[in-house]
Amino acid sequence: MHAATLTSPRLQRVLRLLKDGQPHTTRDIVRRAHVMAVNACVAELRQHGAVIDCEARIVNGSRRFYYTMLEGPKDA
């Protein structure tokens, strides 16, 4: 995978949101960081050394994915 640089506005928006260390749903990230491919953004941040947990939970009968950044990227 060729990850974008951490100066990418797209990755910066996702990083800014996840920096709080709280779980965020895919939908929350899409809406608040204005990105569509959340899993790709997370994979790119991981390429830069970020530790991001992804947990699937059943909420009201639907599966939702929650992303939590445990450690920021090493390049930042």
N, C-alpha and C. Protein backbone atom coordinates (compact mmCIF):
# COMPACT_ATOMS: atom_id res chain seq x y z
N MET A 1 0.84 -1.17 0.00
CA MET A 1 0.00 0.00 0.00
C MET A 1 0.89 1.24 0.00
N HIS A 2 0.47 2.23 -0.76
CA HIS A 2 1.18 3.52 -0.77
C HIS A 2 0.34 4.51 0.03
N ALA A 3 0.77 4.78 1.24
CA ALA A 3 0.03 5.68 2.11
C ALA A 3 0.33 7.13 1.77
N ALA A 4 -0.68 7.96 1.85
CA ALA A 4 -0.48 9.40 1.68
C ALA A 4 0.37 9.91 2.83
N THR A 5 0.99 11.05 2.63
CA THR A 5 1.79 11.64 3.71
C THR A 5 0.85 12.15 4.80
N LEU A 6 1.40 12.33 5.97
CA LEU A 6 0.59 12.83 7.09
C LEU A 6 0.17 14.28 6.90
N THR A 7 0.74 14.95 5.92
CA THR A 7 0.32 16.33 5.63
C THR A 7 -0.94 16.36 4.78
N SER A 8 -1.39 15.21 4.34
CA SER A 8 -2.62 15.12 3.54
C SER A 8 -3.80 15.68 4.33
N PRO A 9 -4.54 16.63 3.77
CA PRO A 9 -5.70 17.18 4.49
C PRO A 9 -6.70 16.11 4.91
N ARG A 10 -6.88 15.10 4.07
CA ARG A 10 -7.81 14.01 4.37
C ARG A 10 -7.35 13.26 5.62
N LEU A 11 -6.08 12.89 5.68
CA LEU A 11 -5.59 12.17 6.85
C LEU A 11 -5.54 13.08 8.07
N GLN A 12 -5.25 14.34 7.88
CA GLN A 12 -5.23 15.28 9.00
C GLN A 12 -6.60 15.40 9.65
N ARG A 13 -7.67 15.40 8.84
CA ARG A 13 -9.03 15.49 9.39
C ARG A 13 -9.36 14.26 10.23
N VAL A 14 -9.01 13.08 9.72
CA VAL A 14 -9.28 11.84 10.45
C VAL A 14 -8.42 11.78 11.71
N LEU A 15 -7.17 12.15 11.59
CA LEU A 15 -6.26 12.15 12.74
C LEU A 15 -6.75 13.09 13.83
N ARG A 16 -7.17 14.28 13.44
CA ARG A 16 -7.68 15.26 14.41
C ARG A 16 -8.87 14.70 15.18
N LEU A 17 -9.74 13.99 14.50
CA LEU A 17 -10.92 13.41 15.14
C LEU A 17 -10.54 12.26 16.08
N LEU A 18 -9.64 11.38 15.63
CA LEU A 18 -9.29 10.21 16.43
C LEU A 18 -8.35 10.51 17.58
N LYS A 19 -7.72 11.68 17.57
CA LYS A 19 -6.75 12.03 18.62
C LYS A 19 -7.35 12.06 20.02
N ASP A 20 -8.67 12.16 20.10
CA ASP A 20 -9.29 12.22 21.44
C ASP A 20 -9.27 10.86 22.16
N GLY A 21 -8.89 9.79 21.45
CA GLY A 21 -8.79 8.48 22.08
C GLY A 21 -10.12 7.82 22.37
N GLN A 22 -11.20 8.42 21.90
CA GLN A 22 -12.54 7.87 22.11
C GLN A 22 -12.96 7.03 20.91
N PRO A 23 -13.85 6.06 21.10
CA PRO A 23 -14.35 5.28 19.96
C PRO A 23 -15.25 6.13 19.07
N HIS A 24 -15.06 6.00 17.76
CA HIS A 24 -15.89 6.70 16.78
C HIS A 24 -16.38 5.69 15.75
N THR A 25 -17.66 5.77 15.42
CA THR A 25 -18.22 4.88 14.41
C THR A 25 -17.76 5.32 13.03
N THR A 26 -17.86 4.41 12.09
CA THR A 26 -17.55 4.73 10.70
C THR A 26 -18.37 5.93 10.25
N ARG A 27 -19.65 5.91 10.57
CA ARG A 27 -20.54 7.00 10.16
C ARG A 27 -20.11 8.33 10.78
N ASP A 28 -19.73 8.30 12.04
CA ASP A 28 -19.27 9.51 12.72
C ASP A 28 -18.03 10.08 12.01
N ILE A 29 -17.11 9.21 11.65
CA ILE A 29 -15.89 9.65 10.98
C ILE A 29 -16.22 10.23 9.60
N VAL A 30 -17.10 9.57 8.87
CA VAL A 30 -17.51 10.07 7.55
C VAL A 30 -18.09 11.47 7.68
N ARG A 31 -18.97 11.66 8.61
CA ARG A 31 -19.65 12.96 8.77
C ARG A 31 -18.74 14.05 9.31
N ARG A 32 -17.94 13.72 10.30
CA ARG A 32 -17.15 14.77 10.96
C ARG A 32 -15.82 15.05 10.29
N ALA A 33 -15.24 14.04 9.61
CA ALA A 33 -13.95 14.25 8.95
C ALA A 33 -14.10 14.43 7.43
N HIS A 34 -15.33 14.27 6.94
CA HIS A 34 -15.63 14.45 5.51
C HIS A 34 -14.77 13.55 4.62
N VAL A 35 -14.74 12.27 4.98
CA VAL A 35 -14.06 11.26 4.17
C VAL A 35 -15.03 10.12 3.90
N MET A 36 -14.77 9.37 2.84
CA MET A 36 -15.66 8.26 2.52
C MET A 36 -15.04 6.90 2.85
N ALA A 37 -13.80 6.72 2.52
CA ALA A 37 -13.15 5.42 2.71
C ALA A 37 -12.45 5.39 4.07
N VAL A 38 -13.23 5.25 5.12
CA VAL A 38 -12.68 5.29 6.47
C VAL A 38 -11.65 4.19 6.68
N ASN A 39 -11.94 2.99 6.24
CA ASN A 39 -11.00 1.89 6.45
C ASN A 39 -9.68 2.15 5.73
N ALA A 40 -9.71 2.80 4.58
CA ALA A 40 -8.48 3.13 3.86
C ALA A 40 -7.68 4.20 4.62
N CYS A 41 -8.37 5.20 5.15
CA CYS A 41 -7.70 6.24 5.93
C CYS A 41 -7.05 5.64 7.17
N VAL A 42 -7.75 4.74 7.83
CA VAL A 42 -7.21 4.08 9.02
C VAL A 42 -5.99 3.25 8.64
N ALA A 43 -6.07 2.54 7.53
CA ALA A 43 -4.93 1.73 7.07
C ALA A 43 -3.72 2.62 6.78
N GLU A 44 -3.96 3.78 6.19
CA GLU A 44 -2.86 4.70 5.90
C GLU A 44 -2.25 5.25 7.19
N LEU A 45 -3.08 5.59 8.16
CA LEU A 45 -2.56 6.07 9.44
C LEU A 45 -1.75 4.97 10.13
N ARG A 46 -2.21 3.74 10.01
CA ARG A 46 -1.46 2.62 10.58
C ARG A 46 -0.10 2.47 9.91
N GLN A 47 -0.02 2.74 8.60
CA GLN A 47 1.25 2.68 7.88
C GLN A 47 2.25 3.68 8.46
N HIS A 48 1.73 4.75 9.03
CA HIS A 48 2.57 5.78 9.64
C HIS A 48 2.84 5.50 11.12
N GLY A 49 2.41 4.35 11.60
CA GLY A 49 2.71 3.93 12.96
C GLY A 49 1.60 4.11 13.98
N ALA A 50 0.45 4.62 13.55
CA ALA A 50 -0.67 4.77 14.49
C ALA A 50 -1.19 3.41 14.90
N VAL A 51 -1.60 3.31 16.14
CA VAL A 51 -2.24 2.08 16.63
C VAL A 51 -3.72 2.41 16.78
N ILE A 52 -4.52 1.82 15.92
CA ILE A 52 -5.96 2.11 15.90
C ILE A 52 -6.71 0.80 16.01
N ASP A 53 -7.53 0.70 17.03
CA ASP A 53 -8.33 -0.49 17.28
C ASP A 53 -9.64 -0.37 16.51
N CYS A 54 -10.10 -1.48 15.96
CA CYS A 54 -11.40 -1.51 15.30
C CYS A 54 -12.22 -2.61 15.97
N GLU A 55 -13.37 -2.22 16.49
CA GLU A 55 -14.23 -3.17 17.20
C GLU A 55 -15.62 -3.16 16.57
N ALA A 56 -16.11 -4.33 16.24
CA ALA A 56 -17.47 -4.47 15.73
C ALA A 56 -18.41 -4.68 16.91
N ARG A 57 -19.49 -3.91 16.95
CA ARG A 57 -20.49 -4.06 18.01
C ARG A 57 -21.87 -4.15 17.35
N ILE A 58 -22.75 -4.90 17.99
CA ILE A 58 -24.13 -4.96 17.54
C ILE A 58 -24.92 -3.90 18.30
N VAL A 59 -25.50 -2.97 17.56
CA VAL A 59 -26.30 -1.88 18.16
C VAL A 59 -27.66 -1.88 17.47
N ASN A 60 -28.71 -2.08 18.25
CA ASN A 60 -30.07 -2.13 17.70
C ASN A 60 -30.18 -3.14 16.55
N GLY A 61 -29.50 -4.26 16.68
CA GLY A 61 -29.59 -5.32 15.68
C GLY A 61 -28.68 -5.13 14.47
N SER A 62 -27.94 -4.04 14.42
CA SER A 62 -27.04 -3.78 13.29
C SER A 62 -25.59 -3.78 13.77
N ARG A 63 -24.72 -4.25 12.90
CA ARG A 63 -23.29 -4.26 13.23
C ARG A 63 -22.71 -2.89 12.91
N ARG A 64 -22.01 -2.32 13.88
CA ARG A 64 -21.35 -1.03 13.71
C ARG A 64 -19.89 -1.20 14.07
N PHE A 65 -19.04 -0.51 13.34
CA PHE A 65 -17.60 -0.56 13.60
C PHE A 65 -17.18 0.71 14.32
N TYR A 66 -16.41 0.52 15.38
CA TYR A 66 -15.90 1.63 16.19
C TYR A 66 -14.37 1.64 16.08
N TYR A 67 -13.83 2.80 15.75
CA TYR A 67 -12.38 2.98 15.65
C TYR A 67 -11.91 3.83 16.83
N THR A 68 -10.84 3.35 17.49
CA THR A 68 -10.26 4.06 18.62
C THR A 68 -8.75 4.12 18.41
N MET A 69 -8.20 5.34 18.42
CA MET A 69 -6.76 5.47 18.28
C MET A 69 -6.12 5.33 19.66
N LEU A 70 -5.28 4.33 19.81
CA LEU A 70 -4.60 4.05 21.07
C LEU A 70 -3.24 4.76 21.13
N GLU A 71 -2.65 4.98 19.99
CA GLU A 71 -1.34 5.64 19.89
C GLU A 71 -1.27 6.35 18.54
N GLY A 72 -0.80 7.58 18.56
CA GLY A 72 -0.71 8.36 17.33
C GLY A 72 0.40 7.90 16.42
N PRO A 73 0.43 8.41 15.19
CA PRO A 73 1.49 8.04 14.25
C PRO A 73 2.86 8.50 14.74
N LYS A 74 3.87 7.76 14.38
CA LYS A 74 5.23 8.08 14.82
C LYS A 74 5.77 9.31 14.11
N ASP A 75 5.27 9.58 12.92
CA ASP A 75 5.74 10.72 12.12
C ASP A 75 5.18 12.05 12.58
N ALA A 76 4.13 12.02 13.39
CA ALA A 76 3.44 13.27 13.74
C ALA A 76 4.12 13.99 14.89
